[in-house]
Amino acid sequence: MPRHACDLVADRTPVPSAGQRDRYPGRWLAWLDGVPDDERDEDATALQAAVGHFGVTGDHDRYELLITHNFVIGWFVRHVLDAPLWRWIGLNQANCAITIVQWDPVRPPALVSFNDTGHL
């Protein structure tokens, strides 16, 4: 499979803006406030763009292998499960684990596997 760098799945941490803080449980806010500026993705703008880019269907099957970080994977899983915005927190992946999501034009996205380490 050809490979290339893709900023859409670069390591980042979704953090709520001042107007969205009430959508996150209070117990997480102090931790989120400590996220370094260069890792912050306010209101998950970049991660929503990543889902918008990769989470589409077309006339032909498409397979993409994304190699990325814990919070990015957590955001995709949160999206696929239609979970609350903050629910990416705590969806921890093992190093080298495989998570598979599937988009279908006639059904909601599906979580095929999560955090699979059987290949290791």
PDB file of N, CA and C in Angstrom:
ATOM      1  N   MET A   1       0.849  -1.168   0.000  1.00  0.00           N
ATOM      2  CA  MET A   1       0.000   0.000   0.000  1.00  0.00           C
ATOM      3  C   MET A   1       0.900   1.238   0.000  1.00  0.00           C
ATOM      4  N   PRO A   2       0.685   2.163  -0.908  1.00  0.00           N
ATOM      5  CA  PRO A   2       1.494   3.379  -0.908  1.00  0.00           C
ATOM      6  C   PRO A   2       1.300   4.155   0.392  1.00  0.00           C
ATOM      7  N   ARG A   3       2.338   4.812   0.832  1.00  0.00           N
ATOM      8  CA  ARG A   3       2.226   5.566   2.075  1.00  0.00           C
ATOM      9  C   ARG A   3       2.577   7.027   1.841  1.00  0.00           C
ATOM     10  N   HIS A   4       2.013   7.862   2.697  1.00  0.00           N
ATOM     11  CA  HIS A   4       2.308   9.286   2.641  1.00  0.00           C
ATOM     12  C   HIS A   4       1.893   9.907   3.966  1.00  0.00           C
ATOM     13  N   ALA A   5       2.527  10.999   4.288  1.00  0.00           N
ATOM     14  CA  ALA A   5       2.170  11.720   5.509  1.00  0.00           C
ATOM     15  C   ALA A   5       0.806  12.380   5.306  1.00  0.00           C
ATOM     16  N   CYS A   6       0.046  12.465   6.385  1.00  0.00           N
ATOM     17  CA  CYS A   6      -1.286  13.067   6.308  1.00  0.00           C
ATOM     18  C   CYS A   6      -1.544  13.838   7.596  1.00  0.00           C
ATOM     19  N   ASP A   7      -1.556  15.148   7.489  1.00  0.00           N
ATOM     20  CA  ASP A   7      -1.760  15.975   8.668  1.00  0.00           C
ATOM     21  C   ASP A   7      -3.134  15.759   9.307  1.00  0.00           C
ATOM     22  N   LEU A   8      -4.085  15.240   8.549  1.00  0.00           N
ATOM     23  CA  LEU A   8      -5.423  15.023   9.107  1.00  0.00           C
ATOM     24  C   LEU A   8      -5.408  14.074  10.297  1.00  0.00           C
ATOM     25  N   VAL A   9      -4.453  13.165  10.348  1.00  0.00           N
ATOM     26  CA  VAL A   9      -4.399  12.209  11.455  1.00  0.00           C
ATOM     27  C   VAL A   9      -3.167  12.417  12.338  1.00  0.00           C
ATOM     28  N   ALA A  10      -2.613  13.630  12.310  1.00  0.00           N
ATOM     29  CA  ALA A  10      -1.492  13.958  13.194  1.00  0.00           C
ATOM     30  C   ALA A  10      -1.957  13.906  14.644  1.00  0.00           C
ATOM     31  N   ASP A  11      -1.019  13.650  15.540  1.00  0.00           N
ATOM     32  CA  ASP A  11      -1.327  13.566  16.973  1.00  0.00           C
ATOM     33  C   ASP A  11      -1.892  14.895  17.469  1.00  0.00           C
ATOM     34  N   ARG A  12      -3.062  14.840  18.077  1.00  0.00           N
ATOM     35  CA  ARG A  12      -3.695  16.042  18.625  1.00  0.00           C
ATOM     36  C   ARG A  12      -4.678  15.627  19.706  1.00  0.00           C
ATOM     37  N   THR A  13      -5.064  16.603  20.510  1.00  0.00           N
ATOM     38  CA  THR A  13      -6.009  16.363  21.598  1.00  0.00           C
ATOM     39  C   THR A  13      -7.199  17.292  21.443  1.00  0.00           C
ATOM     40  N   PRO A  14      -8.398  16.747  21.271  1.00  0.00           N
ATOM     41  CA  PRO A  14      -9.567  17.617  21.186  1.00  0.00           C
ATOM     42  C   PRO A  14      -9.857  18.245  22.549  1.00  0.00           C
ATOM     43  N   VAL A  15      -9.977  19.548  22.566  1.00  0.00           N
ATOM     44  CA  VAL A  15     -10.307  20.264  23.803  1.00  0.00           C
ATOM     45  C   VAL A  15     -11.489  21.192  23.522  1.00  0.00           C
ATOM     46  N   PRO A  16     -12.367  21.334  24.501  1.00  0.00           N
ATOM     47  CA  PRO A  16     -13.526  22.206  24.271  1.00  0.00           C
ATOM     48  C   PRO A  16     -13.145  23.683  24.358  1.00  0.00           C
ATOM     49  N   SER A  17     -13.780  24.486  23.522  1.00  0.00           N
ATOM     50  CA  SER A  17     -13.633  25.939  23.643  1.00  0.00           C
ATOM     51  C   SER A  17     -14.413  26.392  24.875  1.00  0.00           C
ATOM     52  N   ALA A  18     -14.242  27.650  25.243  1.00  0.00           N
ATOM     53  CA  ALA A  18     -14.943  28.184  26.424  1.00  0.00           C
ATOM     54  C   ALA A  18     -16.449  27.956  26.317  1.00  0.00           C
ATOM     55  N   GLY A  19     -17.006  28.102  25.138  1.00  0.00           N
ATOM     56  CA  GLY A  19     -18.440  27.934  24.953  1.00  0.00           C
ATOM     57  C   GLY A  19     -18.917  26.493  24.941  1.00  0.00           C
ATOM     58  N   GLN A  20     -17.988  25.535  24.876  1.00  0.00           N
ATOM     59  CA  GLN A  20     -18.344  24.110  24.818  1.00  0.00           C
ATOM     60  C   GLN A  20     -17.964  23.335  26.078  1.00  0.00           C
ATOM     61  N   ARG A  21     -17.368  24.003  27.047  1.00  0.00           N
ATOM     62  CA  ARG A  21     -16.892  23.311  28.248  1.00  0.00           C
ATOM     63  C   ARG A  21     -17.995  22.574  28.990  1.00  0.00           C
ATOM     64  N   ASP A  22     -19.215  23.087  28.929  1.00  0.00           N
ATOM     65  CA  ASP A  22     -20.316  22.441  29.644  1.00  0.00           C
ATOM     66  C   ASP A  22     -20.727  21.114  29.002  1.00  0.00           C
ATOM     67  N   ARG A  23     -20.197  20.790  27.840  1.00  0.00           N
ATOM     68  CA  ARG A  23     -20.495  19.516  27.176  1.00  0.00           C
ATOM     69  C   ARG A  23     -19.549  18.405  27.633  1.00  0.00           C
ATOM     70  N   TYR A  24     -18.551  18.768  28.440  1.00  0.00           N
ATOM     71  CA  TYR A  24     -17.592  17.802  28.981  1.00  0.00           C
ATOM     72  C   TYR A  24     -17.824  17.645  30.477  1.00  0.00           C
ATOM     73  N   PRO A  25     -17.631  16.443  31.027  1.00  0.00           N
ATOM     74  CA  PRO A  25     -17.743  16.279  32.470  1.00  0.00           C
ATOM     75  C   PRO A  25     -16.703  17.142  33.186  1.00  0.00           C
ATOM     76  N   GLY A  26     -17.114  17.764  34.266  1.00  0.00           N
ATOM     77  CA  GLY A  26     -16.224  18.642  35.021  1.00  0.00           C
ATOM     78  C   GLY A  26     -14.931  17.975  35.469  1.00  0.00           C
ATOM     79  N   ARG A  27     -14.978  16.681  35.730  1.00  0.00           N
ATOM     80  CA  ARG A  27     -13.781  15.983  36.233  1.00  0.00           C
ATOM     81  C   ARG A  27     -12.635  15.989  35.222  1.00  0.00           C
ATOM     82  N   TRP A  28     -12.919  16.239  33.932  1.00  0.00           N
ATOM     83  CA  TRP A  28     -11.882  16.223  32.904  1.00  0.00           C
ATOM     84  C   TRP A  28     -11.349  17.605  32.558  1.00  0.00           C
ATOM     85  N   LEU A  29     -11.997  18.648  32.999  1.00  0.00           N
ATOM     86  CA  LEU A  29     -11.645  19.992  32.539  1.00  0.00           C
ATOM     87  C   LEU A  29     -10.243  20.431  32.955  1.00  0.00           C
ATOM     88  N   ALA A  30      -9.844  20.153  34.179  1.00  0.00           N
ATOM     89  CA  ALA A  30      -8.499  20.552  34.618  1.00  0.00           C
ATOM     90  C   ALA A  30      -7.436  19.844  33.771  1.00  0.00           C
ATOM     91  N   TRP A  31      -7.651  18.566  33.486  1.00  0.00           N
ATOM     92  CA  TRP A  31      -6.700  17.831  32.657  1.00  0.00           C
ATOM     93  C   TRP A  31      -6.652  18.426  31.254  1.00  0.00           C
ATOM     94  N   LEU A  32      -7.801  18.711  30.669  1.00  0.00           N
ATOM     95  CA  LEU A  32      -7.851  19.303  29.335  1.00  0.00           C
ATOM     96  C   LEU A  32      -7.209  20.683  29.308  1.00  0.00           C
ATOM     97  N   ASP A  33      -7.357  21.445  30.387  1.00  0.00           N
ATOM     98  CA  ASP A  33      -6.726  22.764  30.465  1.00  0.00           C
ATOM     99  C   ASP A  33      -5.209  22.663  30.408  1.00  0.00           C
ATOM    100  N   GLY A  34      -4.660  21.518  30.810  1.00  0.00           N
ATOM    101  CA  GLY A  34      -3.215  21.325  30.815  1.00  0.00           C
ATOM    102  C   GLY A  34      -2.629  20.838  29.503  1.00  0.00           C
ATOM    103  N   VAL A  35      -3.463  20.612  28.506  1.00  0.00           N
ATOM    104  CA  VAL A  35      -2.953  20.154  27.200  1.00  0.00           C
ATOM    105  C   VAL A  35      -2.108  21.268  26.590  1.00  0.00           C
ATOM    106  N   PRO A  36      -0.863  20.959  26.197  1.00  0.00           N
ATOM    107  CA  PRO A  36      -0.002  21.990  25.601  1.00  0.00           C
ATOM    108  C   PRO A  36      -0.632  22.610  24.347  1.00  0.00           C
ATOM    109  N   ASP A  37      -0.347  23.867  24.140  1.00  0.00           N
ATOM    110  CA  ASP A  37      -0.934  24.607  23.015  1.00  0.00           C
ATOM    111  C   ASP A  37      -0.707  23.924  21.674  1.00  0.00           C
ATOM    112  N   ASP A  38       0.484  23.349  21.464  1.00  0.00           N
ATOM    113  CA  ASP A  38       0.785  22.750  20.163  1.00  0.00           C
ATOM    114  C   ASP A  38       0.074  21.413  19.935  1.00  0.00           C
ATOM    115  N   GLU A  39      -0.595  20.882  20.946  1.00  0.00           N
ATOM    116  CA  GLU A  39      -1.341  19.632  20.809  1.00  0.00           C
ATOM    117  C   GLU A  39      -2.851  19.856  20.798  1.00  0.00           C
ATOM    118  N   ARG A  40      -3.291  21.056  21.074  1.00  0.00           N
ATOM    119  CA  ARG A  40      -4.720  21.353  21.226  1.00  0.00           C
ATOM    120  C   ARG A  40      -5.438  21.397  19.879  1.00  0.00           C
ATOM    121  N   ASP A  41      -6.600  20.785  19.839  1.00  0.00           N
ATOM    122  CA  ASP A  41      -7.490  20.849  18.677  1.00  0.00           C
ATOM    123  C   ASP A  41      -8.830  21.357  19.213  1.00  0.00           C
ATOM    124  N   GLU A  42      -8.961  22.674  19.264  1.00  0.00           N
ATOM    125  CA  GLU A  42     -10.140  23.268  19.889  1.00  0.00           C
ATOM    126  C   GLU A  42     -11.414  22.844  19.162  1.00  0.00           C
ATOM    127  N   ASP A  43     -12.359  22.347  19.960  1.00  0.00           N
ATOM    128  CA  ASP A  43     -13.643  21.825  19.469  1.00  0.00           C
ATOM    129  C   ASP A  43     -13.462  20.758  18.394  1.00  0.00           C
ATOM    130  N   ALA A  44     -12.304  20.106  18.418  1.00  0.00           N
ATOM    131  CA  ALA A  44     -11.991  19.001  17.508  1.00  0.00           C
ATOM    132  C   ALA A  44     -12.173  19.381  16.042  1.00  0.00           C
ATOM    133  N   THR A  45     -11.867  20.610  15.713  1.00  0.00           N
ATOM    134  CA  THR A  45     -12.031  21.086  14.342  1.00  0.00           C
ATOM    135  C   THR A  45     -11.235  20.241  13.355  1.00  0.00           C
ATOM    136  N   ALA A  46      -9.975  19.969  13.669  1.00  0.00           N
ATOM    137  CA  ALA A  46      -9.134  19.173  12.767  1.00  0.00           C
ATOM    138  C   ALA A  46      -9.607  17.722  12.725  1.00  0.00           C
ATOM    139  N   LEU A  47     -10.007  17.182  13.862  1.00  0.00           N
ATOM    140  CA  LEU A  47     -10.471  15.799  13.874  1.00  0.00           C
ATOM    141  C   LEU A  47     -11.801  15.643  13.143  1.00  0.00           C
ATOM    142  N   GLN A  48     -12.654  16.624  13.230  1.00  0.00           N
ATOM    143  CA  GLN A  48     -13.897  16.575  12.457  1.00  0.00           C
ATOM    144  C   GLN A  48     -13.588  16.617  10.959  1.00  0.00           C
ATOM    145  N   ALA A  49     -12.574  17.390  10.577  1.00  0.00           N
ATOM    146  CA  ALA A  49     -12.158  17.422   9.171  1.00  0.00           C
ATOM    147  C   ALA A  49     -11.624  16.053   8.739  1.00  0.00           C
ATOM    148  N   ALA A  50     -10.899  15.380   9.628  1.00  0.00           N
ATOM    149  CA  ALA A  50     -10.377  14.043   9.318  1.00  0.00           C
ATOM    150  C   ALA A  50     -11.525  13.062   9.089  1.00  0.00           C
ATOM    151  N   VAL A  51     -12.514  13.086   9.963  1.00  0.00           N
ATOM    152  CA  VAL A  51     -13.677  12.212   9.790  1.00  0.00           C
ATOM    153  C   VAL A  51     -14.406  12.564   8.496  1.00  0.00           C
ATOM    154  N   GLY A  52     -14.529  13.859   8.203  1.00  0.00           N
ATOM    155  CA  GLY A  52     -15.172  14.274   6.968  1.00  0.00           C
ATOM    156  C   GLY A  52     -14.435  13.797   5.728  1.00  0.00           C
ATOM    157  N   HIS A  53     -13.123  13.722   5.830  1.00  0.00           N
ATOM    158  CA  HIS A  53     -12.306  13.273   4.692  1.00  0.00           C
ATOM    159  C   HIS A  53     -12.347  11.750   4.528  1.00  0.00           C
ATOM    160  N   PHE A  54     -12.096  11.039   5.622  1.00  0.00           N
ATOM    161  CA  PHE A  54     -11.997   9.582   5.532  1.00  0.00           C
ATOM    162  C   PHE A  54     -13.344   8.882   5.646  1.00  0.00           C
ATOM    163  N   GLY A  55     -14.298   9.493   6.289  1.00  0.00           N
ATOM    164  CA  GLY A  55     -15.591   8.854   6.537  1.00  0.00           C
ATOM    165  C   GLY A  55     -16.606   9.103   5.453  1.00  0.00           C
ATOM    166  N   VAL A  56     -16.215   8.895   4.226  1.00  0.00           N
ATOM    167  CA  VAL A  56     -17.128   9.076   3.094  1.00  0.00           C
ATOM    168  C   VAL A  56     -17.154   7.793   2.274  1.00  0.00           C
ATOM    169  N   THR A  57     -18.225   7.633   1.550  1.00  0.00           N
ATOM    170  CA  THR A  57     -18.349   6.483   0.666  1.00  0.00           C
ATOM    171  C   THR A  57     -18.423   6.972  -0.771  1.00  0.00           C
ATOM    172  N   GLY A  58     -18.195   6.079  -1.682  1.00  0.00           N
ATOM    173  CA  GLY A  58     -18.236   6.425  -3.096  1.00  0.00           C
ATOM    174  C   GLY A  58     -18.733   5.255  -3.917  1.00  0.00           C
ATOM    175  N   ASP A  59     -18.492   5.314  -5.203  1.00  0.00           N
ATOM    176  CA  ASP A  59     -18.952   4.260  -6.109  1.00  0.00           C
ATOM    177  C   ASP A  59     -18.115   2.985  -6.013  1.00  0.00           C
ATOM    178  N   HIS A  60     -16.903   3.099  -5.476  1.00  0.00           N
ATOM    179  CA  HIS A  60     -16.000   1.956  -5.397  1.00  0.00           C
ATOM    180  C   HIS A  60     -15.535   1.779  -3.956  1.00  0.00           C
ATOM    181  N   ASP A  61     -15.275   0.535  -3.578  1.00  0.00           N
ATOM    182  CA  ASP A  61     -14.717   0.274  -2.253  1.00  0.00           C
ATOM    183  C   ASP A  61     -13.364   0.952  -2.140  1.00  0.00           C
ATOM    184  N   ARG A  62     -13.073   1.432  -0.955  1.00  0.00           N
ATOM    185  CA  ARG A  62     -11.806   2.106  -0.689  1.00  0.00           C
ATOM    186  C   ARG A  62     -11.288   1.591   0.643  1.00  0.00           C
ATOM    187  N   TYR A  63     -10.020   1.301   0.709  1.00  0.00           N
ATOM    188  CA  TYR A  63      -9.393   0.837   1.938  1.00  0.00           C
ATOM    189  C   TYR A  63      -8.256   1.787   2.262  1.00  0.00           C
ATOM    190  N   GLU A  64      -8.237   2.259   3.492  1.00  0.00           N
ATOM    191  CA  GLU A  64      -7.172   3.168   3.918  1.00  0.00           C
ATOM    192  C   GLU A  64      -6.635   2.674   5.255  1.00  0.00           C
ATOM    193  N   LEU A  65      -5.350   2.678   5.389  1.00  0.00           N
ATOM    194  CA  LEU A  65      -4.682   2.326   6.626  1.00  0.00           C
ATOM    195  C   LEU A  65      -4.167   3.615   7.235  1.00  0.00           C
ATOM    196  N   LEU A  66      -4.697   3.976   8.382  1.00  0.00           N
ATOM    197  CA  LEU A  66      -4.266   5.190   9.071  1.00  0.00           C
ATOM    198  C   LEU A  66      -3.416   4.785  10.262  1.00  0.00           C
ATOM    199  N   ILE A  67      -2.216   5.274  10.310  1.00  0.00           N
ATOM    200  CA  ILE A  67      -1.332   5.010  11.442  1.00  0.00           C
ATOM    201  C   ILE A  67      -1.261   6.305  12.226  1.00  0.00           C
ATOM    202  N   THR A  68      -1.797   6.273  13.440  1.00  0.00           N
ATOM    203  CA  THR A  68      -1.939   7.509  14.191  1.00  0.00           C
ATOM    204  C   THR A  68      -1.883   7.241  15.690  1.00  0.00           C
ATOM    205  N   HIS A  69      -2.429   8.148  16.458  1.00  0.00           N
ATOM    206  CA  HIS A  69      -2.284   8.134  17.903  1.00  0.00           C
ATOM    207  C   HIS A  69      -3.607   7.902  18.616  1.00  0.00           C
ATOM    208  N   ASN A  70      -3.500   7.630  19.896  1.00  0.00           N
ATOM    209  CA  ASN A  70      -4.615   7.249  20.747  1.00  0.00           C
ATOM    210  C   ASN A  70      -5.833   8.167  20.644  1.00  0.00           C
ATOM    211  N   PHE A  71      -5.655   9.464  20.817  1.00  0.00           N
ATOM    212  CA  PHE A  71      -6.813  10.356  20.862  1.00  0.00           C
ATOM    213  C   PHE A  71      -7.468  10.495  19.494  1.00  0.00           C
ATOM    214  N   VAL A  72      -6.685  10.396  18.429  1.00  0.00           N
ATOM    215  CA  VAL A  72      -7.249  10.449  17.079  1.00  0.00           C
ATOM    216  C   VAL A  72      -8.129   9.219  16.853  1.00  0.00           C
ATOM    217  N   ILE A  73      -7.632   8.057  17.221  1.00  0.00           N
ATOM    218  CA  ILE A  73      -8.421   6.828  17.090  1.00  0.00           C
ATOM    219  C   ILE A  73      -9.669   6.922  17.966  1.00  0.00           C
ATOM    220  N   GLY A  74      -9.489   7.396  19.188  1.00  0.00           N
ATOM    221  CA  GLY A  74     -10.634   7.566  20.083  1.00  0.00           C
ATOM    222  C   GLY A  74     -11.700   8.467  19.491  1.00  0.00           C
ATOM    223  N   TRP A  75     -11.274   9.535  18.788  1.00  0.00           N
ATOM    224  CA  TRP A  75     -12.246  10.439  18.173  1.00  0.00           C
ATOM    225  C   TRP A  75     -13.022   9.731  17.055  1.00  0.00           C
ATOM    226  N   PHE A  76     -12.320   8.955  16.222  1.00  0.00           N
ATOM    227  CA  PHE A  76     -13.010   8.210  15.165  1.00  0.00           C
ATOM    228  C   PHE A  76     -14.011   7.213  15.770  1.00  0.00           C
ATOM    229  N   VAL A  77     -13.593   6.495  16.800  1.00  0.00           N
ATOM    230  CA  VAL A  77     -14.484   5.521  17.440  1.00  0.00           C
ATOM    231  C   VAL A  77     -15.679   6.242  18.061  1.00  0.00           C
ATOM    232  N   ARG A  78     -15.451   7.355  18.741  1.00  0.00           N
ATOM    233  CA  ARG A  78     -16.535   8.143  19.325  1.00  0.00           C
ATOM    234  C   ARG A  78     -17.529   8.551  18.245  1.00  0.00           C
ATOM    235  N   HIS A  79     -17.010   8.980  17.107  1.00  0.00           N
ATOM    236  CA  HIS A  79     -17.872   9.384  15.996  1.00  0.00           C
ATOM    237  C   HIS A  79     -18.702   8.204  15.479  1.00  0.00           C
ATOM    238  N   VAL A  80     -18.042   7.085  15.235  1.00  0.00           N
ATOM    239  CA  VAL A  80     -18.725   5.918  14.689  1.00  0.00           C
ATOM    240  C   VAL A  80     -19.836   5.446  15.630  1.00  0.00           C
ATOM    241  N   LEU A  81     -19.592   5.503  16.924  1.00  0.00           N
ATOM    242  CA  LEU A  81     -20.591   5.069  17.902  1.00  0.00           C
ATOM    243  C   LEU A  81     -21.616   6.151  18.221  1.00  0.00           C
ATOM    244  N   ASP A  82     -21.448   7.345  17.632  1.00  0.00           N
ATOM    245  CA  ASP A  82     -22.347   8.475  17.879  1.00  0.00           C
ATOM    246  C   ASP A  82     -22.436   8.779  19.373  1.00  0.00           C
ATOM    247  N   ALA A  83     -21.285   8.718  20.014  1.00  0.00           N
ATOM    248  CA  ALA A  83     -21.196   8.958  21.456  1.00  0.00           C
ATOM    249  C   ALA A  83     -21.036  10.460  21.727  1.00  0.00           C
ATOM    250  N   PRO A  84     -21.237  10.885  22.967  1.00  0.00           N
ATOM    251  CA  PRO A  84     -21.041  12.305  23.299  1.00  0.00           C
ATOM    252  C   PRO A  84     -19.638  12.785  22.934  1.00  0.00           C
ATOM    253  N   LEU A  85     -19.507  14.089  22.701  1.00  0.00           N
ATOM    254  CA  LEU A  85     -18.226  14.667  22.255  1.00  0.00           C
ATOM    255  C   LEU A  85     -17.045  14.285  23.137  1.00  0.00           C
ATOM    256  N   TRP A  86     -17.241  14.203  24.424  1.00  0.00           N
ATOM    257  CA  TRP A  86     -16.132  13.960  25.353  1.00  0.00           C
ATOM    258  C   TRP A  86     -15.756  12.482  25.439  1.00  0.00           C
ATOM    259  N   ARG A  87     -16.513  11.597  24.834  1.00  0.00           N
ATOM    260  CA  ARG A  87     -16.345  10.167  25.081  1.00  0.00           C
ATOM    261  C   ARG A  87     -15.105   9.554  24.474  1.00  0.00           C
ATOM    262  N   TRP A  88     -14.334  10.312  23.698  1.00  0.00           N
ATOM    263  CA  TRP A  88     -13.043   9.815  23.220  1.00  0.00           C
ATOM    264  C   TRP A  88     -12.092   9.595  24.394  1.00  0.00           C
ATOM    265  N   ILE A  89     -12.324  10.336  25.477  1.00  0.00           N
ATOM    266  CA  ILE A  89     -11.485  10.187  26.675  1.00  0.00           C
ATOM    267  C   ILE A  89     -11.727   8.797  27.260  1.00  0.00           C
ATOM    268  N   GLY A  90     -10.673   8.081  27.493  1.00  0.00           N
ATOM    269  CA  GLY A  90     -10.796   6.756  28.091  1.00  0.00           C
ATOM    270  C   GLY A  90     -10.900   5.633  27.078  1.00  0.00           C
ATOM    271  N   LEU A  91     -10.968   5.938  25.787  1.00  0.00           N
ATOM    272  CA  LEU A  91     -10.943   4.895  24.766  1.00  0.00           C
ATOM    273  C   LEU A  91      -9.479   4.656  24.402  1.00  0.00           C
ATOM    274  N   ASN A  92      -8.781   3.970  25.274  1.00  0.00           N
ATOM    275  CA  ASN A  92      -7.333   3.829  25.128  1.00  0.00           C
ATOM    276  C   ASN A  92      -6.972   2.629  24.282  1.00  0.00           C
ATOM    277  N   GLN A  93      -6.049   2.841  23.369  1.00  0.00           N
ATOM    278  CA  GLN A  93      -5.557   1.809  22.478  1.00  0.00           C
ATOM    279  C   GLN A  93      -4.173   1.343  22.928  1.00  0.00           C
ATOM    280  N   ALA A  94      -3.918   0.076  22.718  1.00  0.00           N
ATOM    281  CA  ALA A  94      -2.584  -0.460  22.962  1.00  0.00           C
ATOM    282  C   ALA A  94      -1.680  -0.038  21.800  1.00  0.00           C
ATOM    283  N   ASN A  95      -0.366   0.027  22.057  1.00  0.00           N
ATOM    284  CA  ASN A  95       0.562   0.294  20.958  1.00  0.00           C
ATOM    285  C   ASN A  95       0.415  -0.795  19.904  1.00  0.00           C
ATOM    286  N   CYS A  96       0.350  -0.392  18.652  1.00  0.00           N
ATOM    287  CA  CYS A  96       0.243  -1.282  17.492  1.00  0.00           C
ATOM    288  C   CYS A  96      -1.100  -1.996  17.386  1.00  0.00           C
ATOM    289  N   ALA A  97      -2.085  -1.598  18.165  1.00  0.00           N
ATOM    290  CA  ALA A  97      -3.409  -2.220  18.076  1.00  0.00           C
ATOM    291  C   ALA A  97      -4.101  -1.785  16.791  1.00  0.00           C
ATOM    292  N   ILE A  98      -5.033  -2.593  16.355  1.00  0.00           N
ATOM    293  CA  ILE A  98      -5.771  -2.309  15.130  1.00  0.00           C
ATOM    294  C   ILE A  98      -7.240  -2.054  15.468  1.00  0.00           C
ATOM    295  N   THR A  99      -7.731  -0.955  14.974  1.00  0.00           N
ATOM    296  CA  THR A  99      -9.149  -0.617  15.063  1.00  0.00           C
ATOM    297  C   THR A  99      -9.653  -0.482  13.640  1.00  0.00           C
ATOM    298  N   ILE A 100     -10.777  -1.107  13.355  1.00  0.00           N
ATOM    299  CA  ILE A 100     -11.339  -1.062  11.998  1.00  0.00           C
ATOM    300  C   ILE A 100     -12.719  -0.434  12.064  1.00  0.00           C
ATOM    301  N   VAL A 101     -12.913   0.581  11.236  1.00  0.00           N
ATOM    302  CA  VAL A 101     -14.232   1.194  11.089  1.00  0.00           C
ATOM    303  C   VAL A 101     -14.652   1.037   9.632  1.00  0.00           C
ATOM    304  N   GLN A 102     -15.958   0.975   9.428  1.00  0.00           N
ATOM    305  CA  GLN A 102     -16.473   0.776   8.074  1.00  0.00           C
ATOM    306  C   GLN A 102     -17.597   1.768   7.812  1.00  0.00           C
ATOM    307  N   TRP A 103     -17.484   2.449   6.688  1.00  0.00           N
ATOM    308  CA  TRP A 103     -18.535   3.355   6.243  1.00  0.00           C
ATOM    309  C   TRP A 103     -19.271   2.684   5.096  1.00  0.00           C
ATOM    310  N   ASP A 104     -20.581   2.788   5.120  1.00  0.00           N
ATOM    311  CA  ASP A 104     -21.439   2.190   4.102  1.00  0.00           C
ATOM    312  C   ASP A 104     -22.439   3.257   3.672  1.00  0.00           C
ATOM    313  N   PRO A 105     -22.721   3.371   2.376  1.00  0.00           N
ATOM    314  CA  PRO A 105     -23.605   4.452   1.932  1.00  0.00           C
ATOM    315  C   PRO A 105     -25.053   4.322   2.414  1.00  0.00           C
ATOM    316  N   VAL A 106     -25.478   3.131   2.833  1.00  0.00           N
ATOM    317  CA  VAL A 106     -26.880   2.961   3.227  1.00  0.00           C
ATOM    318  C   VAL A 106     -27.080   2.660   4.711  1.00  0.00           C
ATOM    319  N   ARG A 107     -25.984   2.615   5.473  1.00  0.00           N
ATOM    320  CA  ARG A 107     -26.082   2.337   6.916  1.00  0.00           C
ATOM    321  C   ARG A 107     -25.173   3.286   7.678  1.00  0.00           C
ATOM    322  N   PRO A 108     -25.433   3.429   8.961  1.00  0.00           N
ATOM    323  CA  PRO A 108     -24.506   4.223   9.781  1.00  0.00           C
ATOM    324  C   PRO A 108     -23.129   3.560   9.804  1.00  0.00           C
ATOM    325  N   PRO A 109     -22.082   4.326  10.103  1.00  0.00           N
ATOM    326  CA  PRO A 109     -20.757   3.711  10.194  1.00  0.00           C
ATOM    327  C   PRO A 109     -20.738   2.630  11.275  1.00  0.00           C
ATOM    328  N   ALA A 110     -19.847   1.660  11.099  1.00  0.00           N
ATOM    329  CA  ALA A 110     -19.785   0.527  12.021  1.00  0.00           C
ATOM    330  C   ALA A 110     -18.376   0.370  12.582  1.00  0.00           C
ATOM    331  N   LEU A 111     -18.308  -0.013  13.836  1.00  0.00           N
ATOM    332  CA  LEU A 111     -17.045  -0.362  14.474  1.00  0.00           C
ATOM    333  C   LEU A 111     -16.871  -1.866  14.294  1.00  0.00           C
ATOM    334  N   VAL A 112     -15.952  -2.269  13.420  1.00  0.00           N
ATOM    335  CA  VAL A 112     -15.735  -3.679  13.105  1.00  0.00           C
ATOM    336  C   VAL A 112     -14.862  -4.333  14.164  1.00  0.00           C
ATOM    337  N   SER A 113     -13.790  -3.652  14.560  1.00  0.00           N
ATOM    338  CA  SER A 113     -12.943  -4.147  15.644  1.00  0.00           C
ATOM    339  C   SER A 113     -12.322  -2.959  16.362  1.00  0.00           C
ATOM    340  N   PHE A 114     -12.004  -3.170  17.622  1.00  0.00           N
ATOM    341  CA  PHE A 114     -11.434  -2.098  18.433  1.00  0.00           C
ATOM    342  C   PHE A 114     -10.270  -2.649  19.236  1.00  0.00           C
ATOM    343  N   ASN A 115      -9.107  -1.997  19.100  1.00  0.00           N
ATOM    344  CA  ASN A 115      -7.958  -2.292  19.945  1.00  0.00           C
ATOM    345  C   ASN A 115      -7.500  -3.753  19.838  1.00  0.00           C
ATOM    346  N   ASP A 116      -7.552  -4.308  18.649  1.00  0.00           N
ATOM    347  CA  ASP A 116      -7.176  -5.697  18.432  1.00  0.00           C
ATOM    348  C   ASP A 116      -5.657  -5.827  18.432  1.00  0.00           C
ATOM    349  N   THR A 117      -5.135  -6.662  19.286  1.00  0.00           N
ATOM    350  CA  THR A 117      -3.683  -6.904  19.361  1.00  0.00           C
ATOM    351  C   THR A 117      -3.327  -8.347  19.030  1.00  0.00           C
ATOM    352  N   GLY A 118      -4.246  -9.079  18.463  1.00  0.00           N
ATOM    353  CA  GLY A 118      -4.020 -10.479  18.157  1.00  0.00           C
ATOM    354  C   GLY A 118      -2.868 -10.743  17.210  1.00  0.00           C
ATOM    355  N   HIS A 119      -2.506  -9.765  16.411  1.00  0.00           N
ATOM    356  CA  HIS A 119      -1.403  -9.935  15.454  1.00  0.00           C
ATOM    357  C   HIS A 119      -0.034  -9.799  16.104  1.00  0.00           C
ATOM    358  N   LEU A 120       0.011  -9.353  17.339  1.00  0.00           N
ATOM    359  CA  LEU A 120       1.320  -9.103  17.975  1.00  0.00           C
ATOM    360  C   LEU A 120       1.946 -10.367  18.518  1.00  0.00           C
TER     361      LEU A 120
END
